[in-house]
Protein backbone atom coordinates (compact mmCIF):
# COMPACT_ATOMS: atom_id res chain seq x y z
CA MET A 1 132.52 59.48 50.57
CA THR A 2 133.77 63.19 49.90
CA LYS A 3 131.76 63.24 46.46
CA GLY A 4 128.84 62.35 48.36
CA ASP A 5 129.11 58.74 47.23
CA PHE A 6 128.19 55.76 49.42
CA PRO A 7 131.11 53.73 51.44
CA ASP A 8 132.15 50.51 50.30
CA GLU A 9 130.70 47.69 52.39
CA GLU A 10 134.31 46.55 53.43
CA THR A 11 135.02 50.32 54.86
CA GLU A 12 132.01 50.64 56.21
CA ASP A 13 132.63 48.95 59.56
CA LEU A 14 135.76 50.60 59.99
CA TYR A 15 133.76 53.92 61.13
CA LEU A 16 131.81 54.70 64.04
CA VAL A 17 129.45 57.39 62.44
CA ASP A 18 126.91 56.05 59.99
CA PHE A 19 127.96 58.11 56.69
CA THR A 20 124.97 56.12 54.68
CA GLN A 21 122.50 57.63 56.75
CA LYS A 22 123.67 61.30 56.36
CA ILE A 23 124.09 61.04 52.55
CA ILE A 24 120.25 59.62 52.73
CA ASP A 25 119.40 62.79 54.82
CA LYS A 26 121.29 65.12 52.31
CA GLN A 27 119.75 63.47 49.33
CA ARG A 28 116.22 63.87 50.64
CA GLU A 29 116.84 67.52 51.76
CA VAL A 30 117.97 68.63 48.01
CA GLN A 31 114.97 66.57 46.87
CA GLU A 32 112.57 69.00 49.21
CA LEU A 33 114.66 71.72 47.87
CA CYS A 34 113.96 71.39 44.58
CA THR A 35 109.96 70.61 44.95
CA SER A 36 109.64 73.59 47.36
CA GLU A 37 111.39 75.62 43.95
CA ILE A 38 109.36 74.08 41.71
CA ALA A 39 106.23 75.33 44.03
CA ARG A 40 106.98 78.70 44.58
CA LYS A 41 107.90 78.75 40.66
CA ALA A 42 104.42 77.86 39.83
CA MET A 43 102.51 80.07 42.31
CA ARG A 44 104.28 83.23 41.33
CA GLU A 45 102.90 82.38 37.45
CA GLU A 46 99.66 81.84 39.05
CA ASN A 47 99.83 85.30 40.94
CA GLY A 48 101.31 87.33 37.88
CA GLU A 49 98.49 85.80 35.64
CA GLU A 50 96.08 86.73 38.04
CA GLU A 51 97.45 90.37 38.40
CA ARG A 52 97.34 90.65 34.27
CA LEU A 53 93.52 89.12 34.44
CA SER A 54 92.66 91.74 37.17
CA GLU A 55 94.26 94.85 35.29
CA ALA A 56 92.67 93.57 32.32
CA GLU A 57 89.21 93.57 34.02
CA VAL A 58 89.83 97.30 35.17
CA PRO A 59 87.64 99.77 32.82
CA LEU A 60 89.36 102.64 32.38
CA PRO A 61 88.20 105.76 33.46
CA GLN A 62 85.73 107.96 31.72
CA ASN A 63 86.67 111.21 33.08
CA PRO A 64 90.33 112.02 33.83
CA ASP A 65 88.92 113.16 37.31
CA GLU A 66 88.02 109.46 38.42
CA GLU A 67 91.96 108.28 37.72
CA TRP A 68 93.64 107.15 40.65
CA VAL A 69 96.91 108.70 41.46
CA GLU A 70 99.72 108.25 44.15
CA TYR A 71 101.11 110.71 46.74
CA VAL A 72 103.30 110.99 49.62
CA ASP A 73 101.06 112.80 52.86
CA TYR A 74 102.95 114.51 55.60
CA LEU A 75 104.14 111.36 57.50
CA GLY A 76 105.93 110.01 54.30
CA ARG A 77 103.56 107.50 53.54
CA SER A 78 102.55 106.29 49.84
CA ARG A 79 98.77 106.75 49.48
CA GLY A 80 96.33 106.09 46.71
CA CYS A 81 93.42 108.62 45.60
CA LYS A 82 91.18 109.77 43.10
CA LYS A 83 92.80 112.98 41.10
CA LYS A 84 89.94 114.57 42.28
CA ASP A 85 90.48 114.06 45.78
CA LEU A 86 94.17 114.99 45.84
CA PRO A 87 93.93 118.72 46.52
CA LEU A 88 91.68 118.39 49.54
CA LEU A 89 93.66 115.76 51.06
CA LEU A 90 96.96 117.77 50.31
CA GLU A 91 95.39 120.48 52.37
CA MET A 92 94.36 118.18 54.79
CA ASP A 93 97.90 116.99 55.05
CA LYS A 94 99.46 120.71 55.30
CA LEU A 95 96.88 121.59 58.37
CA ASN A 96 97.92 118.33 60.13
CA GLN A 97 101.71 119.38 59.66
CA ASP A 98 101.11 122.60 61.05
CA GLU A 99 99.13 120.84 63.99
CA ARG A 100 101.94 118.78 65.27
CA PRO A 101 103.93 119.89 68.04
CA GLU A 102 107.32 121.12 67.64
CA THR A 103 108.95 118.25 69.50
CA GLU A 104 107.79 115.92 66.87
CA LYS A 105 109.13 118.22 64.12
CA LYS A 106 112.54 118.29 65.40
CA THR A 107 113.89 115.01 66.29
CA LEU A 108 117.62 115.43 64.71
CA LEU A 109 118.45 118.07 67.60
CA SER A 110 121.00 117.29 69.83
CA GLU A 111 120.62 117.79 73.67
CA ASP A 112 122.42 121.29 73.57
CA MET A 113 120.16 122.42 70.84
CA LYS A 114 117.05 120.95 72.66
CA ARG A 115 118.09 123.12 75.74
CA GLU A 116 118.67 126.26 73.70
CA LEU A 117 115.22 126.28 72.43
CA GLN A 118 113.83 125.69 75.96
CA ARG A 119 115.82 128.41 77.01
CA GLN A 120 114.42 130.63 74.13
CA GLU A 121 110.69 129.16 74.95
CA TRP A 122 111.41 130.47 78.54
CA GLU A 123 112.51 134.31 77.50
CA ARG A 124 109.50 134.73 75.57
CA GLU A 125 107.42 133.64 78.18
CA GLU A 126 109.03 135.86 80.45
CA GLU A 127 108.83 138.90 78.18
CA GLU A 128 105.31 138.02 77.58
CA ALA A 129 104.46 138.33 81.46
CA LEU A 130 106.11 141.38 81.81
CA ARG A 131 104.24 143.09 79.14
CA LYS A 132 100.81 141.63 81.21
CA PRO A 133 99.39 144.03 83.77
CA MET A 134 100.04 142.93 87.39
CA GLY A 135 97.11 140.47 88.32
CA PRO A 136 96.55 137.28 89.98
CA ILE A 137 98.73 134.17 88.55
CA HIS A 138 96.63 131.28 87.58
CA TYR A 139 98.10 127.29 87.13
CA GLU A 140 98.04 127.59 83.73
CA ASP A 141 100.34 130.24 83.89
CA ILE A 142 102.98 128.20 85.62
CA ARG A 143 101.99 124.94 84.31
CA GLU A 144 104.20 125.57 80.72
CA ASN A 145 104.94 122.01 79.37
CA GLU A 146 103.64 119.45 82.18
CA ALA A 147 103.36 116.13 80.55
CA ARG A 148 100.88 114.71 83.34
CA GLN A 149 97.27 114.29 82.87
CA LEU A 150 94.70 115.71 85.48
CA GLY A 151 91.64 113.96 84.54
CA VAL A 152 88.34 114.74 82.82
CA GLY A 153 87.40 116.88 85.69
CA TYR A 154 90.34 119.43 84.70
CA PHE A 155 89.21 122.48 82.59
CA ALA A 156 92.38 124.33 81.23
CA PHE A 157 91.13 127.75 81.15
CA ALA A 158 92.66 130.40 79.00
CA ARG A 159 95.63 132.51 80.06
CA ASP A 160 93.77 136.14 78.84
CA GLN A 161 91.74 137.56 81.66
CA ALA A 162 89.41 138.41 79.47
CA LEU A 163 88.51 134.92 78.03
CA ARG A 164 89.55 133.25 81.04
CA LYS A 165 86.32 135.20 82.49
CA LYS A 166 84.10 134.57 79.92
CA GLN A 167 84.89 130.74 80.11
CA MET A 168 84.06 130.98 83.99
CA ASP A 169 80.97 132.18 83.42
CA THR A 170 80.14 130.21 81.11
CA LEU A 171 80.56 127.44 83.45
CA GLU A 172 78.68 128.87 85.76
CA MET A 173 75.64 129.52 83.53
CA LEU A 174 75.93 125.69 82.75
CA ARG A 175 76.22 124.64 86.20
CA GLU A 176 72.90 126.45 87.26
CA GLN A 177 71.10 125.04 84.37
CA THR A 178 71.96 121.39 85.52
CA ILE A 179 71.23 122.08 89.34
CA GLY A 180 67.59 123.58 87.74
CA GLN A 181 67.35 120.35 85.86
CA ARG A 182 67.97 118.10 88.68
CA THR A 183 65.38 120.42 90.78
CA LYS A 184 62.56 119.76 87.92
CA ARG A 185 63.45 116.08 87.96
CA GLU A 186 63.13 115.74 91.88
CA ASN A 187 59.86 117.98 91.95
CA LEU A 188 57.83 115.77 89.20
CA LYS A 189 59.46 112.66 90.60
CA GLU A 190 57.71 113.73 94.09
CA LYS A 191 54.43 114.86 92.37
CA ARG A 192 53.94 111.29 90.49
CA LYS A 193 54.54 109.95 93.92
CA ALA A 194 52.14 111.95 95.67
CA VAL A 195 49.45 110.80 92.75
CA LEU A 196 50.28 107.42 93.01
CA GLU A 197 49.83 107.02 96.86
CA ALA A 198 46.34 108.95 96.30
CA ARG A 199 45.29 106.18 93.68
CA LEU A 200 46.76 103.42 96.08
CA SER A 201 44.46 104.80 99.33
CA LYS A 202 41.19 105.29 97.18
CA ILE A 203 41.74 101.86 96.07
CA ARG A 204 42.62 100.75 99.88
CA ALA A 205 38.76 102.49 100.89
CA LYS A 206 36.92 100.76 98.26
CA LYS A 207 38.45 97.44 99.61
CA ARG A 208 37.85 98.29 102.97
CA LEU A 209 33.87 99.01 101.70
CA LYS A 210 33.81 95.78 100.13
CA ASP A 211 34.81 94.17 103.11
CA GLY A 212 32.23 96.41 105.74
CA ASP A 213 34.93 97.48 107.87
CA THR A 214 34.42 101.54 107.26
CA LYS A 215 33.86 104.19 109.71
CA GLU A 216 30.93 105.44 110.95
CA ASN A 217 31.70 109.10 109.81
CA GLY A 218 32.59 107.90 106.26
CA GLU A 219 35.68 109.72 106.37
CA GLU A 220 38.45 107.93 104.13
CA GLU A 221 41.61 107.15 106.04
CA VAL A 222 44.64 108.62 104.36
CA PRO A 223 47.64 106.79 105.79
CA GLU A 224 50.01 109.53 106.91
CA PRO A 225 53.97 109.17 106.28
CA ILE A 226 55.85 108.07 109.04
CA LEU A 227 58.24 110.49 109.69
CA PRO A 228 61.74 109.60 111.84
CA SER A 229 61.41 110.84 115.45
CA SER A 230 64.35 112.07 117.54
CA LYS A 231 63.12 111.03 120.87
CA PRO A 232 61.98 107.42 121.57
CA THR A 233 58.60 106.06 122.01
CA ASP A 234 57.66 105.24 125.23
CA LEU A 235 56.14 101.76 124.89
CA PRO A 236 52.57 101.40 126.65
CA SER A 237 52.72 99.88 130.21
CA VAL A 238 51.31 96.69 130.83
CA SER A 239 48.88 96.78 133.55
CA THR A 240 49.88 94.02 136.65
CA GLU A 241 46.03 93.88 137.73
CA THR A 242 44.46 90.36 137.46
CA ARG A 243 40.71 90.43 136.13
CA LYS A 244 38.30 88.52 137.19
CA VAL A 245 37.19 85.19 135.77
CA GLU A 246 33.41 84.02 135.90
CA VAL A 247 33.75 80.52 136.42
CA ILE A 248 30.23 78.57 135.71
CA ILE A 249 29.97 74.93 136.58
CA GLN A 250 27.46 73.23 134.53
CA GLU A 251 26.37 69.81 135.95
CA ARG A 252 24.87 66.69 133.41
CA LYS A 253 21.31 66.43 133.41
CA ASP A 254 21.60 62.57 133.10
CA THR A 255 22.96 61.76 136.45
CA LYS A 256 21.18 62.66 140.10
CA PRO A 257 22.57 65.22 142.23
CA GLY A 258 24.90 64.21 144.39
CA VAL A 259 25.95 60.87 142.68
CA PRO A 260 28.69 60.32 140.74
CA TYR A 261 28.38 60.02 136.72
CA VAL A 262 29.03 56.36 135.73
CA ARG A 263 30.22 55.62 132.29
CA GLU A 264 28.41 53.37 129.97
CA TRP A 265 31.67 50.50 130.06
CA ASP A 266 31.73 50.87 133.76
CA LYS A 267 27.54 49.65 134.50
CA GLY A 268 27.29 46.84 136.54
CA LYS A 269 30.83 47.21 138.04
CA GLU A 270 31.44 47.29 141.79
CA PHE A 271 33.30 50.65 143.40
CA THR A 272 33.53 51.74 146.76
CA PHE A 273 33.38 55.41 147.06
CA GLY A 274 34.59 56.99 149.99
CA VAL A 275 37.67 57.14 152.14
CA TRP A 276 40.16 54.00 153.42
CA SER A 277 39.57 53.18 156.99
CA LYS A 278 41.87 50.60 157.47
CA LYS A 279 44.90 51.08 158.58
CA GLN A 280 48.34 49.85 156.91
CA ASP A 281 49.12 47.09 159.70
CA GLU A 282 45.74 45.66 158.91
CA LEU A 283 45.58 45.46 155.25
CA ARG A 284 49.65 43.96 155.77
CA ASN A 285 47.84 41.25 158.03
CA GLU A 286 44.70 40.35 155.08
CA ARG A 287 47.40 40.21 152.19
CA ASP A 288 47.58 36.39 150.78
CA PRO A 289 50.46 34.52 151.81
CA GLU A 290 51.35 33.29 148.41
CA PHE A 291 52.03 36.95 147.15
CA ALA A 292 53.68 38.11 150.54
């Protein structure tokens, strides 16, 4: 059993652990591992053949400047480029290296060394401030190395007074140009609106001429714009006077005067016209006893 063989049938029932299944699983794992190793070797051989084929297919450069070379950029990365582009890329790396801030260049400094460098920077700024003539203090003079972002509406003016004044004059000129362009655009919009209103009024006048609803003097009715008034408009008072209505009574021509009109379906029927002359007691006495 320690060698990986199957236990005997006689002694198999003595153990509570199924050693037979464990041996089968172990042999299966060994077979899968061998199969994966064979597949990995075959894949490695195929990749090697592809690399050899790709190297064989790439033609040699006709010009020495077209040859591909490798170099290391300012961040320590391996790069590939053509030989003719190498000087330009090295120059760009040098510029990028110079533009990197001091905090990124010196990453292995201790806290004491960083504090000392910061103190030296403060001393240099104070010496520059003492050399400058007395004048107003701006936000850029006291901002130092502030990390927060102030948004797109913030403009970092120069600390030099002459350059700062030039920047402010440029911004003022741009602001005036913006206001002028906005005014021109609004005026053009008003002109277009007036032309459109004139055309609409002419169209309405032509339509009234076709309908026959024109004024006697021939003047065109131009709609005036309704301006909002500050005072409330007085509503017209409703007159409480009653108007006299003339009522005309017409009589039918097919009837005689003083005789009521008889309908076609009422002809031949007996009607008693007038006022009842009998009293209620007399009518009760004349009532049929069967229906009393």
